[in-house]
Amino acid sequence: MPKRNPIAIIVGGAILAAWTPFWTFVSGLSTIDFMRTSSGRPSIGTFYLSPTLSSGLNVAGLGVIVYAFILLSRQVSRGNSARSESNSQKPAAVPPAEGPPPTIPISTSQDFGVQTVLPDGRAIISCSLEDLQAAFHKNTLDQFNRLLAGRWVKISGKIHENHGNGQIWLSNNGLYFVLQFAKGWNEQLSVLGRGVAVTVRGKIVQAQISAIYLDNCELL
């Protein structure tokens, strides 16, 4: 269906509404005796419209103008409603989610212990059992393992238990340090009893709920 143009309809209605006064003006001009014929009648002749037809044209023109204004108001209303719908469909701004506070990473040099490099290239962190326990309690298991798993440490403590097969346990305030030695250390470890002080170098494997595991350990 072709789209109606309200402006064109208004112009057409105005022409119809103004038709009667225009026709009356032209008809009046026709009564002027510009050139009379032999019979004395006007050479152009009078051509007034009938009152009924004139009134009909007036009414039709006014009706067209009213219809055009109604159509124009509908288009304006539709445009406003479309703009309001588009504005309402815009997603509301969502404030950024507040995540957990950042954790302070463990320092593996000055604050945590003294780091030295062996001739074979291994970086060794010399620390106490208390240092490892503090790091264990300040971080989650995942954070502790990400920061320290695979790092070599040098620690000292008293034997809590000797399980044989190259495994001894140290303890500090309820936290256990499970030390697994490589083959070749069984004979030296077999003479160690509970309460014996040892200094050990080993690589941290992982931390669990109540223990920190090390392997490739060596007695110093």
Protein backbone atom coordinates (compact mmCIF):
# COMPACT_ATOMS: atom_id res chain seq x y z
CA MET A 1 0.00 0.00 0.00
CA PRO A 2 1.52 3.39 -0.99
CA LYS A 3 2.50 5.64 1.87
CA ARG A 4 0.27 8.71 2.30
CA ASN A 5 2.01 12.06 2.46
CA PRO A 6 0.16 14.33 4.95
CA ILE A 7 1.62 17.49 3.39
CA ALA A 8 0.30 16.60 -0.07
CA ILE A 9 -3.13 15.80 1.40
CA ILE A 10 -3.24 19.15 3.20
CA VAL A 11 -2.38 21.00 -0.01
CA GLY A 12 -5.08 19.11 -1.92
CA GLY A 13 -7.67 19.82 0.75
CA ALA A 14 -6.76 23.49 0.76
CA ILE A 15 -7.25 23.65 -3.01
CA LEU A 16 -10.68 22.08 -2.70
CA ALA A 17 -11.66 24.35 0.18
CA ALA A 18 -10.54 27.43 -1.77
CA TRP A 19 -12.24 26.30 -4.98
CA THR A 20 -15.55 28.07 -4.34
CA PRO A 21 -14.14 31.60 -3.71
CA PHE A 22 -11.81 31.13 -6.68
CA TRP A 23 -14.65 30.04 -8.94
CA THR A 24 -16.81 32.92 -7.71
CA PHE A 25 -14.03 35.34 -8.57
CA VAL A 26 -13.65 33.93 -12.08
CA SER A 27 -17.42 33.89 -12.59
CA GLY A 28 -17.58 37.55 -11.58
CA LEU A 29 -15.01 38.39 -14.19
CA SER A 30 -17.20 36.70 -16.80
CA THR A 31 -20.02 39.15 -16.21
CA ILE A 32 -17.90 42.09 -17.27
CA ASP A 33 -18.94 43.22 -20.73
CA PHE A 34 -15.60 42.96 -22.51
CA MET A 35 -17.14 42.36 -25.91
CA ARG A 36 -20.85 42.29 -26.56
CA THR A 37 -22.37 40.32 -29.34
CA SER A 38 -25.16 41.51 -31.56
CA SER A 39 -27.69 40.07 -29.19
CA GLY A 40 -26.28 42.11 -26.25
CA ARG A 41 -25.22 39.10 -24.17
CA PRO A 42 -21.67 38.79 -22.77
CA SER A 43 -19.19 37.36 -25.21
CA ILE A 44 -17.78 34.94 -22.59
CA GLY A 45 -20.98 34.21 -20.76
CA THR A 46 -21.65 33.63 -17.10
CA PHE A 47 -20.70 30.28 -15.62
CA TYR A 48 -21.57 30.40 -11.90
CA LEU A 49 -21.53 27.08 -10.06
CA SER A 50 -24.66 25.98 -8.34
CA PRO A 51 -24.74 26.67 -4.57
CA THR A 52 -25.07 22.93 -3.83
CA LEU A 53 -21.92 22.04 -5.75
CA SER A 54 -19.96 24.93 -4.22
CA SER A 55 -20.92 23.91 -0.68
CA GLY A 56 -19.99 20.30 -1.46
CA LEU A 57 -16.56 21.31 -2.63
CA ASN A 58 -16.03 23.39 0.52
CA VAL A 59 -17.06 20.53 2.79
CA ALA A 60 -14.91 18.01 0.88
CA GLY A 61 -11.86 20.27 1.07
CA LEU A 62 -12.23 20.83 4.82
CA GLY A 63 -12.73 17.09 5.35
CA VAL A 64 -9.54 16.30 3.43
CA ILE A 65 -7.59 18.82 5.55
CA VAL A 66 -8.91 17.30 8.80
CA TYR A 67 -8.01 13.81 7.57
CA ALA A 68 -4.51 14.98 6.69
CA PHE A 69 -3.97 16.45 10.17
CA ILE A 70 -5.15 13.19 11.77
CA LEU A 71 -2.75 11.20 9.58
CA LEU A 72 0.11 13.56 10.44
CA SER A 73 -0.57 13.29 14.18
CA ARG A 74 -0.54 9.46 13.93
CA GLN A 75 2.83 9.48 12.20
CA VAL A 76 4.28 11.80 14.84
CA SER A 77 2.89 9.57 17.61
CA ARG A 78 4.37 6.45 16.00
CA GLY A 79 7.77 8.10 15.71
CA ASN A 80 7.75 9.09 19.40
CA SER A 81 6.71 5.60 20.51
CA ALA A 82 9.43 3.99 18.36
CA ARG A 83 12.08 6.24 19.91
CA SER A 84 10.85 5.47 23.43
CA GLU A 85 10.93 1.71 22.73
CA SER A 86 14.47 1.90 21.39
CA ASN A 87 15.55 3.80 24.50
CA SER A 88 13.85 1.29 26.79
CA GLN A 89 15.59 -1.62 25.04
CA LYS A 90 19.06 -0.26 25.74
CA PRO A 91 20.72 -2.41 28.39
CA ALA A 92 21.21 -0.71 31.70
CA ALA A 93 24.78 -0.07 32.72
CA VAL A 94 25.98 -2.86 34.98
CA PRO A 95 28.56 -1.87 37.57
CA PRO A 96 31.69 -4.00 37.47
CA ALA A 97 31.59 -6.96 39.82
CA GLU A 98 33.76 -6.64 42.86
CA GLY A 99 36.14 -9.56 43.00
CA PRO A 100 38.00 -10.88 46.03
CA PRO A 101 40.77 -8.66 47.35
CA PRO A 102 44.13 -9.40 45.74
CA THR A 103 46.49 -11.55 47.74
CA ILE A 104 50.00 -10.38 48.44
CA PRO A 105 52.41 -12.80 46.73
CA ILE A 106 55.01 -14.54 48.77
CA SER A 107 58.48 -13.09 48.48
CA THR A 108 60.99 -15.84 47.79
CA SER A 109 64.10 -13.80 48.49
CA GLN A 110 64.57 -11.14 51.19
CA ASP A 111 61.26 -11.32 53.13
CA PHE A 112 60.80 -15.08 52.87
CA GLY A 113 64.36 -16.34 53.10
CA VAL A 114 67.83 -16.07 51.67
CA GLN A 115 68.24 -17.39 48.16
CA THR A 116 71.53 -18.81 46.90
CA VAL A 117 72.48 -20.49 43.63
CA LEU A 118 74.41 -23.76 43.70
CA PRO A 119 77.15 -24.58 41.18
CA ASP A 120 74.72 -26.96 39.44
CA GLY A 121 72.33 -24.02 38.79
CA ARG A 122 69.72 -24.78 41.44
CA ALA A 123 68.34 -21.75 43.31
CA ILE A 124 67.97 -22.68 46.98
CA ILE A 125 65.83 -20.70 49.45
CA SER A 126 67.12 -20.99 52.98
CA CYS A 127 64.16 -20.57 55.35
CA SER A 128 62.74 -21.87 58.57
CA LEU A 129 59.77 -24.15 59.17
CA GLU A 130 57.98 -21.12 60.62
CA ASP A 131 58.47 -19.25 57.32
CA LEU A 132 56.89 -22.08 55.34
CA GLN A 133 54.06 -22.41 57.85
CA ALA A 134 53.32 -18.67 57.70
CA ALA A 135 53.16 -18.83 53.92
CA PHE A 136 50.92 -21.90 54.19
CA HIS A 137 48.40 -20.11 56.44
CA LYS A 138 48.41 -16.78 54.59
CA ASN A 139 47.53 -18.36 51.23
CA THR A 140 45.14 -20.95 49.90
CA LEU A 141 46.49 -24.36 48.92
CA ASP A 142 46.24 -23.40 45.26
CA GLN A 143 48.09 -20.13 45.81
CA PHE A 144 50.80 -21.77 47.88
CA ASN A 145 51.35 -24.48 45.26
CA ARG A 146 51.46 -21.95 42.42
CA LEU A 147 54.04 -19.86 44.26
CA LEU A 148 56.30 -22.51 45.77
CA ALA A 149 55.76 -25.89 44.07
CA GLY A 150 58.95 -26.83 42.28
CA ARG A 151 61.13 -24.50 44.37
CA TRP A 152 64.15 -25.81 46.25
CA VAL A 153 64.37 -24.99 49.96
CA LYS A 154 66.82 -25.55 52.76
CA ILE A 155 65.16 -26.17 56.15
CA SER A 156 66.09 -27.40 59.60
CA GLY A 157 63.97 -29.17 62.23
CA LYS A 158 63.57 -32.15 64.52
CA ILE A 159 62.38 -35.52 63.25
CA HIS A 160 58.79 -36.28 64.20
CA GLU A 161 58.80 -39.79 62.65
CA ASN A 162 61.04 -41.97 60.52
CA HIS A 163 58.84 -44.14 58.25
CA GLY A 164 61.71 -45.91 56.51
CA ASN A 165 62.07 -46.34 52.76
CA GLY A 166 63.69 -42.90 52.61
CA GLN A 167 60.83 -40.98 54.23
CA ILE A 168 61.00 -38.90 57.40
CA TRP A 169 58.55 -36.39 58.82
CA LEU A 170 59.23 -33.08 60.51
CA SER A 171 56.51 -31.09 62.30
CA ASN A 172 55.90 -27.55 63.44
CA ASN A 173 52.78 -26.58 65.45
CA GLY A 174 50.58 -29.22 63.85
CA LEU A 175 51.87 -28.81 60.27
CA TYR A 176 53.84 -31.77 58.92
CA PHE A 177 56.72 -31.70 56.44
CA VAL A 178 56.93 -34.99 54.58
CA LEU A 179 60.49 -35.45 53.25
CA GLN A 180 61.12 -38.10 50.61
CA PHE A 181 64.78 -38.91 49.97
CA ALA A 182 66.23 -40.43 46.84
CA LYS A 183 67.71 -43.90 46.76
CA GLY A 184 71.04 -44.23 48.48
CA TRP A 185 70.00 -42.38 51.63
CA ASN A 186 68.30 -45.28 53.44
CA GLU A 187 71.35 -46.36 55.42
CA GLN A 188 72.08 -42.87 56.74
CA LEU A 189 68.41 -42.26 57.52
CA SER A 190 67.95 -45.54 59.38
CA VAL A 191 69.97 -44.36 62.37
CA LEU A 192 67.86 -41.21 62.82
CA GLY A 193 65.29 -41.34 65.61
CA ARG A 194 62.56 -39.03 66.87
CA GLY A 195 63.73 -35.65 68.08
CA VAL A 196 66.99 -35.69 66.11
CA ALA A 197 67.78 -32.29 64.58
CA VAL A 198 68.49 -32.36 60.86
CA THR A 199 69.13 -29.87 58.07
CA VAL A 200 67.63 -30.89 54.78
CA ARG A 201 67.60 -29.60 51.22
CA GLY A 202 64.67 -30.63 49.03
CA LYS A 203 62.20 -29.59 46.33
CA ILE A 204 58.63 -28.66 47.30
CA VAL A 205 56.12 -30.90 45.48
CA GLN A 206 52.80 -29.66 46.85
CA ALA A 207 50.89 -28.62 49.94
CA GLN A 208 47.81 -30.42 51.20
CA ILE A 209 45.44 -29.80 54.09
CA SER A 210 47.91 -30.53 56.90
CA ALA A 211 51.22 -31.26 55.23
CA ILE A 212 53.83 -29.92 52.83
CA TYR A 213 55.53 -32.56 50.66
CA LEU A 214 59.14 -32.41 49.46
CA ASP A 215 61.13 -34.88 47.36
CA ASN A 216 64.69 -35.38 46.12
CA CYS A 217 65.73 -34.47 49.66
CA GLU A 218 69.36 -34.51 50.86
CA LEU A 219 70.86 -34.43 54.32
CA LEU A 220 73.32 -31.60 54.92
